[in-house]
Amino acid sequence: MNWMRYKNIYFLLSATLIAVGIFSLAKWGLRLGVDFSGGTIAEYKFDREISTEQTAEKIKESGIDVYSIQETDDNTYLIKMPPVNSEDRVNIAETLNKLSESEADELRFETVGPSIGPELVKKTVYAIIIAAGAILVWIAYQFKNLKFGISAILAMFHDTFILVASFALLGFFFGAEVDFLMVTAVLTTLSFSVHDTIVVYDRIREIQKKEGGDIGEVANRAITETMVRSLNNSFTIIFMLVSLILLGGSTIVWFAVALLIGTVLGTYSSPFVAVPLLVSWDSVVKLIKKR
């Protein structure tokens, strides 16, 4: 199949996703979780089901603000609040005991300082830069050409940006928050994005060594020969992530969603972003040489 015939459509789709992402980030921004903004995470187990809205109102009546209350398991609830002191902790426990008409079992009570947010962002940026640089050098060395490394890195940043920007949309419409697990998902996407790209690039190199030919034709053949393998590999991951989204509970649902988006993007970008970039680069170089 002549995949490269439609490379302008692939670029247009990617440009549209990036434009929507830029708009979403500029318009709504990211909904930062307590890992970034600072706050307290408390988890309680009750003998019976309670109303999250009524619970939030009762806690607010005691003078303590509440970001959100989520049910994580049977009669188990996760409460996110601004940083609270020991006195507020006691008041929350008493309020919950009265509300449930029994003694609530405190499973977790953690306070995260706001200083962790900037530090985490800084380390994440450093990690991405170091990983991108190492991947660029390694791929360029292995394939004996810098264009392979740069095309792979551009596709990787394509996936990473769209993943992060998608959480501006999910945060606005569904209340998705960016936390430690989201950062983990972003770093995981960096690896997965390059994984399939290297598989296609390696097949391109093998065909060029054995048979030669135009880069566009070689790319079409390489994508065709690796497409089934990539899809089978991705679907096994997607099935697992869908199961986590449906059954994993609210504490990890957005982490699973982030990994799912990253997996889909990585599967798409390898043949339809990284390879078209490589082919377009080669076409531009040939055009410049002719002039």
C-alpha atoms as a PDB file:
ATOM      1  CA  MET A   1       0.000   0.000   0.000  1.00  0.00           C
ATOM      2  CA  ASN A   2       1.197   3.509  -0.817  1.00  0.00           C
ATOM      3  CA  TRP A   3       1.078   4.947   2.706  1.00  0.00           C
ATOM      4  CA  MET A   4       3.270   7.935   1.850  1.00  0.00           C
ATOM      5  CA  ARG A   5       0.769   9.091  -0.747  1.00  0.00           C
ATOM      6  CA  TYR A   6      -1.314  10.459   2.128  1.00  0.00           C
ATOM      7  CA  LYS A   7       1.500  11.967   4.198  1.00  0.00           C
ATOM      8  CA  ASN A   8       0.070  15.475   3.855  1.00  0.00           C
ATOM      9  CA  ILE A   9      -3.160  14.199   5.420  1.00  0.00           C
ATOM     10  CA  TYR A  10      -1.162  12.763   8.335  1.00  0.00           C
ATOM     11  CA  PHE A  11       0.591  16.098   8.810  1.00  0.00           C
ATOM     12  CA  LEU A  12      -2.742  17.948   8.647  1.00  0.00           C
ATOM     13  CA  LEU A  13      -4.260  15.662  11.290  1.00  0.00           C
ATOM     14  CA  SER A  14      -1.265  16.141  13.572  1.00  0.00           C
ATOM     15  CA  ALA A  15      -1.332  19.910  13.025  1.00  0.00           C
ATOM     16  CA  THR A  16      -5.035  19.956  13.910  1.00  0.00           C
ATOM     17  CA  LEU A  17      -4.452  18.007  17.131  1.00  0.00           C
ATOM     18  CA  ILE A  18      -1.578  20.299  18.080  1.00  0.00           C
ATOM     19  CA  ALA A  19      -3.671  23.407  17.344  1.00  0.00           C
ATOM     20  CA  VAL A  20      -6.531  22.080  19.475  1.00  0.00           C
ATOM     21  CA  GLY A  21      -4.012  21.304  22.211  1.00  0.00           C
ATOM     22  CA  ILE A  22      -2.542  24.810  22.131  1.00  0.00           C
ATOM     23  CA  PHE A  23      -6.029  26.313  22.288  1.00  0.00           C
ATOM     24  CA  SER A  24      -7.024  24.061  25.213  1.00  0.00           C
ATOM     25  CA  LEU A  25      -3.896  24.874  27.207  1.00  0.00           C
ATOM     26  CA  ALA A  26      -4.260  28.603  26.541  1.00  0.00           C
ATOM     27  CA  LYS A  27      -8.007  28.645  27.241  1.00  0.00           C
ATOM     28  CA  TRP A  28      -8.357  26.314  30.231  1.00  0.00           C
ATOM     29  CA  GLY A  29      -4.867  25.251  31.277  1.00  0.00           C
ATOM     30  CA  LEU A  30      -4.141  22.131  33.296  1.00  0.00           C
ATOM     31  CA  ARG A  31      -6.098  21.218  36.411  1.00  0.00           C
ATOM     32  CA  LEU A  32      -3.280  20.653  38.905  1.00  0.00           C
ATOM     33  CA  GLY A  33      -3.703  18.042  41.620  1.00  0.00           C
ATOM     34  CA  VAL A  34      -2.491  18.335  45.178  1.00  0.00           C
ATOM     35  CA  ASP A  35       0.883  16.910  44.143  1.00  0.00           C
ATOM     36  CA  PHE A  36       1.535  20.212  42.381  1.00  0.00           C
ATOM     37  CA  SER A  37      -0.626  22.766  44.178  1.00  0.00           C
ATOM     38  CA  GLY A  38      -0.193  21.355  47.671  1.00  0.00           C
ATOM     39  CA  GLY A  39      -2.883  19.977  49.936  1.00  0.00           C
ATOM     40  CA  THR A  40      -4.092  17.041  51.982  1.00  0.00           C
ATOM     41  CA  ILE A  41      -5.293  13.664  50.755  1.00  0.00           C
ATOM     42  CA  ALA A  42      -7.391  11.662  53.211  1.00  0.00           C
ATOM     43  CA  GLU A  43      -9.031   8.288  52.639  1.00  0.00           C
ATOM     44  CA  TYR A  44     -11.745   6.873  54.911  1.00  0.00           C
ATOM     45  CA  LYS A  45     -13.720   3.645  54.988  1.00  0.00           C
ATOM     46  CA  PHE A  46     -17.303   3.601  56.278  1.00  0.00           C
ATOM     47  CA  ASP A  47     -19.732   0.891  57.315  1.00  0.00           C
ATOM     48  CA  ARG A  48     -22.247   2.090  54.741  1.00  0.00           C
ATOM     49  CA  GLU A  49     -22.488   4.224  51.629  1.00  0.00           C
ATOM     50  CA  ILE A  50     -22.546   7.990  52.162  1.00  0.00           C
ATOM     51  CA  SER A  51     -23.397  10.987  49.998  1.00  0.00           C
ATOM     52  CA  THR A  52     -20.265  12.711  48.653  1.00  0.00           C
ATOM     53  CA  GLU A  53     -22.112  16.022  48.264  1.00  0.00           C
ATOM     54  CA  GLN A  54     -23.485  15.929  51.799  1.00  0.00           C
ATOM     55  CA  THR A  55     -20.065  14.960  53.151  1.00  0.00           C
ATOM     56  CA  ALA A  56     -18.393  17.884  51.372  1.00  0.00           C
ATOM     57  CA  GLU A  57     -21.017  20.280  52.753  1.00  0.00           C
ATOM     58  CA  LYS A  58     -20.606  19.012  56.326  1.00  0.00           C
ATOM     59  CA  ILE A  59     -16.813  19.323  56.177  1.00  0.00           C
ATOM     60  CA  LYS A  60     -17.104  22.845  54.745  1.00  0.00           C
ATOM     61  CA  GLU A  61     -19.471  23.766  57.595  1.00  0.00           C
ATOM     62  CA  SER A  62     -16.647  22.989  60.011  1.00  0.00           C
ATOM     63  CA  GLY A  63     -14.506  25.622  58.248  1.00  0.00           C
ATOM     64  CA  ILE A  64     -12.443  23.294  56.037  1.00  0.00           C
ATOM     65  CA  ASP A  65     -12.549  23.632  52.251  1.00  0.00           C
ATOM     66  CA  VAL A  66     -12.849  20.501  50.077  1.00  0.00           C
ATOM     67  CA  TYR A  67     -11.460  20.125  46.548  1.00  0.00           C
ATOM     68  CA  SER A  68     -13.173  16.839  45.745  1.00  0.00           C
ATOM     69  CA  ILE A  69     -14.523  13.586  47.216  1.00  0.00           C
ATOM     70  CA  GLN A  70     -14.281  10.383  45.203  1.00  0.00           C
ATOM     71  CA  GLU A  71     -15.456   6.873  45.955  1.00  0.00           C
ATOM     72  CA  THR A  72     -12.454   4.568  45.506  1.00  0.00           C
ATOM     73  CA  ASP A  73     -13.937   1.264  46.665  1.00  0.00           C
ATOM     74  CA  ASP A  74     -16.967  -0.129  48.463  1.00  0.00           C
ATOM     75  CA  ASN A  75     -17.828   2.478  51.107  1.00  0.00           C
ATOM     76  CA  THR A  76     -14.312   3.945  50.793  1.00  0.00           C
ATOM     77  CA  TYR A  77     -13.859   7.621  49.912  1.00  0.00           C
ATOM     78  CA  LEU A  78     -10.882   9.794  48.966  1.00  0.00           C
ATOM     79  CA  ILE A  79     -11.052  13.430  50.120  1.00  0.00           C
ATOM     80  CA  LYS A  80      -8.775  16.127  48.668  1.00  0.00           C
ATOM     81  CA  MET A  81      -8.415  19.366  50.604  1.00  0.00           C
ATOM     82  CA  PRO A  82      -6.063  22.305  51.167  1.00  0.00           C
ATOM     83  CA  PRO A  83      -3.351  21.609  53.754  1.00  0.00           C
ATOM     84  CA  VAL A  84      -4.948  20.951  57.148  1.00  0.00           C
ATOM     85  CA  ASN A  85      -3.450  20.826  60.644  1.00  0.00           C
ATOM     86  CA  SER A  86      -3.881  18.227  63.371  1.00  0.00           C
ATOM     87  CA  GLU A  87      -6.861  20.052  64.882  1.00  0.00           C
ATOM     88  CA  ASP A  88      -8.663  20.094  61.524  1.00  0.00           C
ATOM     89  CA  ARG A  89      -7.868  16.413  61.145  1.00  0.00           C
ATOM     90  CA  VAL A  90      -9.697  15.659  64.379  1.00  0.00           C
ATOM     91  CA  ASN A  91     -12.642  17.834  63.330  1.00  0.00           C
ATOM     92  CA  ILE A  92     -12.889  16.016  59.992  1.00  0.00           C
ATOM     93  CA  ALA A  93     -12.914  12.634  61.737  1.00  0.00           C
ATOM     94  CA  GLU A  94     -15.653  13.782  64.155  1.00  0.00           C
ATOM     95  CA  THR A  95     -17.722  15.176  61.285  1.00  0.00           C
ATOM     96  CA  LEU A  96     -17.446  11.936  59.344  1.00  0.00           C
ATOM     97  CA  ASN A  97     -18.317   9.850  62.394  1.00  0.00           C
ATOM     98  CA  LYS A  98     -21.498  11.864  62.959  1.00  0.00           C
ATOM     99  CA  LEU A  99     -22.397  11.701  59.296  1.00  0.00           C
ATOM    100  CA  SER A 100     -21.995   7.929  59.032  1.00  0.00           C
ATOM    101  CA  GLU A 101     -23.372   7.285  62.531  1.00  0.00           C
ATOM    102  CA  SER A 102     -20.384   5.043  63.155  1.00  0.00           C
ATOM    103  CA  GLU A 103     -16.625   5.336  63.511  1.00  0.00           C
ATOM    104  CA  ALA A 104     -14.934   6.037  60.154  1.00  0.00           C
ATOM    105  CA  ASP A 105     -11.718   4.098  59.574  1.00  0.00           C
ATOM    106  CA  GLU A 106      -8.880   6.385  58.438  1.00  0.00           C
ATOM    107  CA  LEU A 107      -6.864   4.549  55.796  1.00  0.00           C
ATOM    108  CA  ARG A 108      -4.631   7.381  54.666  1.00  0.00           C
ATOM    109  CA  PHE A 109      -3.878  10.973  55.610  1.00  0.00           C
ATOM    110  CA  GLU A 110      -1.088  12.698  53.660  1.00  0.00           C
ATOM    111  CA  THR A 111      -0.144  16.356  53.314  1.00  0.00           C
ATOM    112  CA  VAL A 112       1.856  17.476  50.275  1.00  0.00           C
ATOM    113  CA  GLY A 113       3.639  20.819  50.428  1.00  0.00           C
ATOM    114  CA  PRO A 114       3.266  23.219  47.492  1.00  0.00           C
ATOM    115  CA  SER A 115       7.049  23.392  47.055  1.00  0.00           C
ATOM    116  CA  ILE A 116       6.967  19.881  45.574  1.00  0.00           C
ATOM    117  CA  GLY A 117       5.116  21.167  42.505  1.00  0.00           C
ATOM    118  CA  PRO A 118       7.858  23.342  40.959  1.00  0.00           C
ATOM    119  CA  GLU A 119      10.528  20.823  41.943  1.00  0.00           C
ATOM    120  CA  LEU A 120       8.642  17.997  40.251  1.00  0.00           C
ATOM    121  CA  VAL A 121       8.111  20.050  37.090  1.00  0.00           C
ATOM    122  CA  LYS A 122      11.800  20.938  36.982  1.00  0.00           C
ATOM    123  CA  LYS A 123      12.882  17.313  37.360  1.00  0.00           C
ATOM    124  CA  THR A 124      10.378  16.192  34.744  1.00  0.00           C
ATOM    125  CA  VAL A 125      11.685  18.734  32.233  1.00  0.00           C
ATOM    126  CA  TYR A 126      15.260  17.645  32.944  1.00  0.00           C
ATOM    127  CA  ALA A 127      14.278  13.998  32.523  1.00  0.00           C
ATOM    128  CA  ILE A 128      12.594  14.694  29.178  1.00  0.00           C
ATOM    129  CA  ILE A 129      15.582  16.693  27.890  1.00  0.00           C
ATOM    130  CA  ILE A 130      18.075  14.045  28.977  1.00  0.00           C
ATOM    131  CA  ALA A 131      15.959  11.217  27.561  1.00  0.00           C
ATOM    132  CA  ALA A 132      15.387  13.043  24.271  1.00  0.00           C
ATOM    133  CA  GLY A 133      19.076  13.845  23.900  1.00  0.00           C
ATOM    134  CA  ALA A 134      20.144  10.280  24.650  1.00  0.00           C
ATOM    135  CA  ILE A 135      17.545   8.829  22.270  1.00  0.00           C
ATOM    136  CA  LEU A 136      18.570  11.274  19.523  1.00  0.00           C
ATOM    137  CA  VAL A 137      22.250  10.384  19.810  1.00  0.00           C
ATOM    138  CA  TRP A 138      21.597   6.645  20.066  1.00  0.00           C
ATOM    139  CA  ILE A 139      19.253   6.428  17.063  1.00  0.00           C
ATOM    140  CA  ALA A 140      21.497   8.680  14.960  1.00  0.00           C
ATOM    141  CA  TYR A 141      24.486   6.459  15.832  1.00  0.00           C
ATOM    142  CA  GLN A 142      22.684   3.179  15.190  1.00  0.00           C
ATOM    143  CA  PHE A 143      21.230   4.287  11.846  1.00  0.00           C
ATOM    144  CA  LYS A 144      24.344   6.256  10.829  1.00  0.00           C
ATOM    145  CA  ASN A 145      22.247   9.331   9.986  1.00  0.00           C
ATOM    146  CA  LEU A 146      21.088  12.271  12.061  1.00  0.00           C
ATOM    147  CA  LYS A 147      17.765  12.547  10.211  1.00  0.00           C
ATOM    148  CA  PHE A 148      16.570   9.273  11.755  1.00  0.00           C
ATOM    149  CA  GLY A 149      17.206  10.572  15.254  1.00  0.00           C
ATOM    150  CA  ILE A 150      15.652  14.000  14.712  1.00  0.00           C
ATOM    151  CA  SER A 151      12.533  12.552  13.020  1.00  0.00           C
ATOM    152  CA  ALA A 152      12.045  10.103  15.905  1.00  0.00           C
ATOM    153  CA  ILE A 153      12.444  12.864  18.509  1.00  0.00           C
ATOM    154  CA  LEU A 154       9.982  15.152  16.710  1.00  0.00           C
ATOM    155  CA  ALA A 155       7.431  12.329  16.654  1.00  0.00           C
ATOM    156  CA  MET A 156       8.081  11.713  20.353  1.00  0.00           C
ATOM    157  CA  PHE A 157       7.474  15.364  21.261  1.00  0.00           C
ATOM    158  CA  HIS A 158       4.378  15.283  19.034  1.00  0.00           C
ATOM    159  CA  ASP A 159       2.944  12.495  21.204  1.00  0.00           C
ATOM    160  CA  THR A 160       4.025  14.067  24.491  1.00  0.00           C
ATOM    161  CA  PHE A 161       2.543  17.476  23.732  1.00  0.00           C
ATOM    162  CA  ILE A 162      -0.804  16.091  22.539  1.00  0.00           C
ATOM    163  CA  LEU A 163      -0.995  13.852  25.623  1.00  0.00           C
ATOM    164  CA  VAL A 164      -0.381  16.770  27.998  1.00  0.00           C
ATOM    165  CA  ALA A 165      -2.744  19.054  26.061  1.00  0.00           C
ATOM    166  CA  SER A 166      -5.475  16.409  26.094  1.00  0.00           C
ATOM    167  CA  PHE A 167      -5.597  16.744  29.877  1.00  0.00           C
ATOM    168  CA  ALA A 168      -6.557  20.398  29.497  1.00  0.00           C
ATOM    169  CA  LEU A 169      -9.677  19.164  27.693  1.00  0.00           C
ATOM    170  CA  LEU A 170     -10.259  16.278  30.105  1.00  0.00           C
ATOM    171  CA  GLY A 171      -9.726  18.580  33.069  1.00  0.00           C
ATOM    172  CA  PHE A 172     -12.243  21.127  31.803  1.00  0.00           C
ATOM    173  CA  PHE A 173     -14.967  18.647  30.831  1.00  0.00           C
ATOM    174  CA  PHE A 174     -14.394  15.762  33.278  1.00  0.00           C
ATOM    175  CA  GLY A 175     -12.291  17.186  36.114  1.00  0.00           C
ATOM    176  CA  ALA A 176      -9.116  15.225  35.322  1.00  0.00           C
ATOM    177  CA  GLU A 177      -6.146  16.360  37.413  1.00  0.00           C
ATOM    178  CA  VAL A 178      -2.419  16.345  36.685  1.00  0.00           C
ATOM    179  CA  ASP A 179      -0.492  14.547  39.428  1.00  0.00           C
ATOM    180  CA  PHE A 180       2.508  12.268  39.995  1.00  0.00           C
ATOM    181  CA  LEU A 181       0.917   9.433  38.038  1.00  0.00           C
ATOM    182  CA  MET A 182       0.305  11.733  35.070  1.00  0.00           C
ATOM    183  CA  VAL A 183       4.009  12.591  35.031  1.00  0.00           C
ATOM    184  CA  THR A 184       4.792   8.870  35.077  1.00  0.00           C
ATOM    185  CA  ALA A 185       2.456   8.348  32.121  1.00  0.00           C
ATOM    186  CA  VAL A 186       4.166  11.138  30.156  1.00  0.00           C
ATOM    187  CA  LEU A 187       7.611   9.631  30.708  1.00  0.00           C
ATOM    188  CA  THR A 188       6.289   6.186  29.777  1.00  0.00           C
ATOM    189  CA  THR A 189       4.855   7.617  26.556  1.00  0.00           C
ATOM    190  CA  LEU A 190       8.310   8.927  25.635  1.00  0.00           C
ATOM    191  CA  SER A 191       9.623   5.374  25.635  1.00  0.00           C
ATOM    192  CA  PHE A 192       6.641   3.768  23.927  1.00  0.00           C
ATOM    193  CA  SER A 193       6.577   6.414  21.189  1.00  0.00           C
ATOM    194  CA  VAL A 194      10.142   5.667  20.157  1.00  0.00           C
ATOM    195  CA  HIS A 195       9.762   1.900  20.480  1.00  0.00           C
ATOM    196  CA  ASP A 196       7.568   1.356  17.414  1.00  0.00           C
ATOM    197  CA  THR A 197       9.439   4.040  15.479  1.00  0.00           C
ATOM    198  CA  ILE A 198      12.696   2.117  15.831  1.00  0.00           C
ATOM    199  CA  VAL A 199      10.984  -1.050  14.597  1.00  0.00           C
ATOM    200  CA  VAL A 200       9.861   0.689  11.377  1.00  0.00           C
ATOM    201  CA  TYR A 201      13.203   2.462  10.947  1.00  0.00           C
ATOM    202  CA  ASP A 202      15.077  -0.800  11.359  1.00  0.00           C
ATOM    203  CA  ARG A 203      12.958  -2.398   8.642  1.00  0.00           C
ATOM    204  CA  ILE A 204      13.639   0.596   6.351  1.00  0.00           C
ATOM    205  CA  ARG A 205      17.375   0.169   6.922  1.00  0.00           C
ATOM    206  CA  GLU A 206      17.248  -3.565   6.191  1.00  0.00           C
ATOM    207  CA  ILE A 207      15.377  -3.077   2.917  1.00  0.00           C
ATOM    208  CA  GLN A 208      17.701  -0.278   1.814  1.00  0.00           C
ATOM    209  CA  LYS A 209      20.776  -2.407   2.529  1.00  0.00           C
ATOM    210  CA  LYS A 210      19.476  -5.462   0.667  1.00  0.00           C
ATOM    211  CA  GLU A 211      17.561  -3.942  -2.230  1.00  0.00           C
ATOM    212  CA  GLY A 212      18.041  -0.167  -2.204  1.00  0.00           C
ATOM    213  CA  GLY A 213      15.352   1.910  -3.902  1.00  0.00           C
ATOM    214  CA  ASP A 214      13.523   5.175  -3.365  1.00  0.00           C
ATOM    215  CA  ILE A 215      12.978   6.076   0.290  1.00  0.00           C
ATOM    216  CA  GLY A 216       9.247   6.548  -0.279  1.00  0.00           C
ATOM    217  CA  GLU A 217       8.778   3.057  -1.714  1.00  0.00           C
ATOM    218  CA  VAL A 218      10.981   1.549   0.977  1.00  0.00           C
ATOM    219  CA  ALA A 219       8.979   3.335   3.667  1.00  0.00           C
ATOM    220  CA  ASN A 220       5.687   2.050   2.250  1.00  0.00           C
ATOM    221  CA  ARG A 221       6.960  -1.514   2.294  1.00  0.00           C
ATOM    222  CA  ALA A 222       8.447  -1.188   5.797  1.00  0.00           C
ATOM    223  CA  ILE A 223       5.183   0.188   7.223  1.00  0.00           C
ATOM    224  CA  THR A 224       3.154  -2.568   5.550  1.00  0.00           C
ATOM    225  CA  GLU A 225       5.436  -5.291   6.896  1.00  0.00           C
ATOM    226  CA  THR A 226       5.478  -3.963  10.474  1.00  0.00           C
ATOM    227  CA  MET A 227       1.873  -2.701  10.735  1.00  0.00           C
ATOM    228  CA  VAL A 228       0.334  -5.970  11.959  1.00  0.00           C
ATOM    229  CA  ARG A 229       3.070  -6.467  14.546  1.00  0.00           C
ATOM    230  CA  SER A 230       2.643  -2.917  15.877  1.00  0.00           C
ATOM    231  CA  LEU A 231      -1.148  -3.211  16.056  1.00  0.00           C
ATOM    232  CA  ASN A 232      -1.014  -6.574  17.838  1.00  0.00           C
ATOM    233  CA  ASN A 233       1.461  -5.200  20.346  1.00  0.00           C
ATOM    234  CA  SER A 234      -0.600  -2.056  20.951  1.00  0.00           C
ATOM    235  CA  PHE A 235      -3.937  -3.846  21.266  1.00  0.00           C
ATOM    236  CA  THR A 236      -2.610  -6.090  24.040  1.00  0.00           C
ATOM    237  CA  ILE A 237      -1.688  -2.931  25.973  1.00  0.00           C
ATOM    238  CA  ILE A 238      -4.959  -1.174  25.099  1.00  0.00           C
ATOM    239  CA  PHE A 239      -7.069  -4.108  26.356  1.00  0.00           C
ATOM    240  CA  MET A 240      -5.258  -4.026  29.690  1.00  0.00           C
ATOM    241  CA  LEU A 241      -5.610  -0.246  30.030  1.00  0.00           C
ATOM    242  CA  VAL A 242      -9.326  -0.313  29.190  1.00  0.00           C
ATOM    243  CA  SER A 243      -9.757  -2.919  31.934  1.00  0.00           C
ATOM    244  CA  LEU A 244      -7.958  -0.628  34.389  1.00  0.00           C
ATOM    245  CA  ILE A 245     -10.150   2.322  33.384  1.00  0.00           C
ATOM    246  CA  LEU A 246     -13.335   0.308  33.899  1.00  0.00           C
ATOM    247  CA  LEU A 247     -12.351  -1.663  36.987  1.00  0.00           C
ATOM    248  CA  GLY A 248      -9.255  -0.053  38.508  1.00  0.00           C
ATOM    249  CA  GLY A 249     -10.970   2.553  40.680  1.00  0.00           C
ATOM    250  CA  SER A 250     -10.904   6.332  40.654  1.00  0.00           C
ATOM    251  CA  THR A 251      -7.391   6.681  42.108  1.00  0.00           C
ATOM    252  CA  ILE A 252      -5.717   5.323  38.967  1.00  0.00           C
ATOM    253  CA  VAL A 253      -8.367   5.923  36.302  1.00  0.00           C
ATOM    254  CA  TRP A 254      -6.737   9.067  34.875  1.00  0.00           C
ATOM    255  CA  PHE A 255      -3.328   7.403  34.966  1.00  0.00           C
ATOM    256  CA  ALA A 256      -4.759   4.587  32.849  1.00  0.00           C
ATOM    257  CA  VAL A 257      -6.450   7.118  30.540  1.00  0.00           C
ATOM    258  CA  ALA A 258      -3.128   8.937  30.079  1.00  0.00           C
ATOM    259  CA  LEU A 259      -1.356   5.685  29.236  1.00  0.00           C
ATOM    260  CA  LEU A 260      -4.160   4.766  26.824  1.00  0.00           C
ATOM    261  CA  ILE A 261      -3.870   8.096  25.014  1.00  0.00           C
ATOM    262  CA  GLY A 262      -0.082   7.742  24.935  1.00  0.00           C
ATOM    263  CA  THR A 263      -0.327   4.204  23.543  1.00  0.00           C
ATOM    264  CA  VAL A 264      -2.703   5.248  20.761  1.00  0.00           C
ATOM    265  CA  LEU A 265      -0.547   8.262  19.907  1.00  0.00           C
ATOM    266  CA  GLY A 266       2.629   6.183  19.900  1.00  0.00           C
ATOM    267  CA  THR A 267       1.070   3.576  17.630  1.00  0.00           C
ATOM    268  CA  TYR A 268      -0.116   6.289  15.236  1.00  0.00           C
ATOM    269  CA  SER A 269       2.975   8.498  15.215  1.00  0.00           C
ATOM    270  CA  SER A 270       5.502   5.801  14.387  1.00  0.00           C
ATOM    271  CA  PRO A 271       4.237   5.045  10.844  1.00  0.00           C
ATOM    272  CA  PHE A 272       2.303   8.260  10.210  1.00  0.00           C
ATOM    273  CA  VAL A 273       4.500  10.976  11.735  1.00  0.00           C
ATOM    274  CA  ALA A 274       8.071   9.709  12.172  1.00  0.00           C
ATOM    275  CA  VAL A 275       8.284   7.944   8.790  1.00  0.00           C
ATOM    276  CA  PRO A 276       6.613  10.755   6.765  1.00  0.00           C
ATOM    277  CA  LEU A 277       9.030  13.204   8.422  1.00  0.00           C
ATOM    278  CA  LEU A 278      11.913  11.009   7.322  1.00  0.00           C
ATOM    279  CA  VAL A 279      10.593  10.758   3.752  1.00  0.00           C
ATOM    280  CA  SER A 280       9.877  14.500   3.575  1.00  0.00           C
ATOM    281  CA  TRP A 281      13.352  15.276   4.893  1.00  0.00           C
ATOM    282  CA  ASP A 282      14.902  13.112   2.163  1.00  0.00           C
ATOM    283  CA  SER A 283      12.723  14.771  -0.513  1.00  0.00           C
ATOM    284  CA  VAL A 284      13.720  18.276   0.646  1.00  0.00           C
ATOM    285  CA  VAL A 285      17.422  17.347   0.647  1.00  0.00           C
ATOM    286  CA  LYS A 286      17.166  15.970  -2.902  1.00  0.00           C
ATOM    287  CA  LEU A 287      15.333  19.099  -4.051  1.00  0.00           C
ATOM    288  CA  ILE A 288      18.022  21.343  -2.558  1.00  0.00           C
ATOM    289  CA  LYS A 289      20.789  19.309  -4.234  1.00  0.00           C
ATOM    290  CA  LYS A 290      19.088  19.612  -7.621  1.00  0.00           C
ATOM    291  CA  ARG A 291      19.099  23.374  -7.309  1.00  0.00           C
END
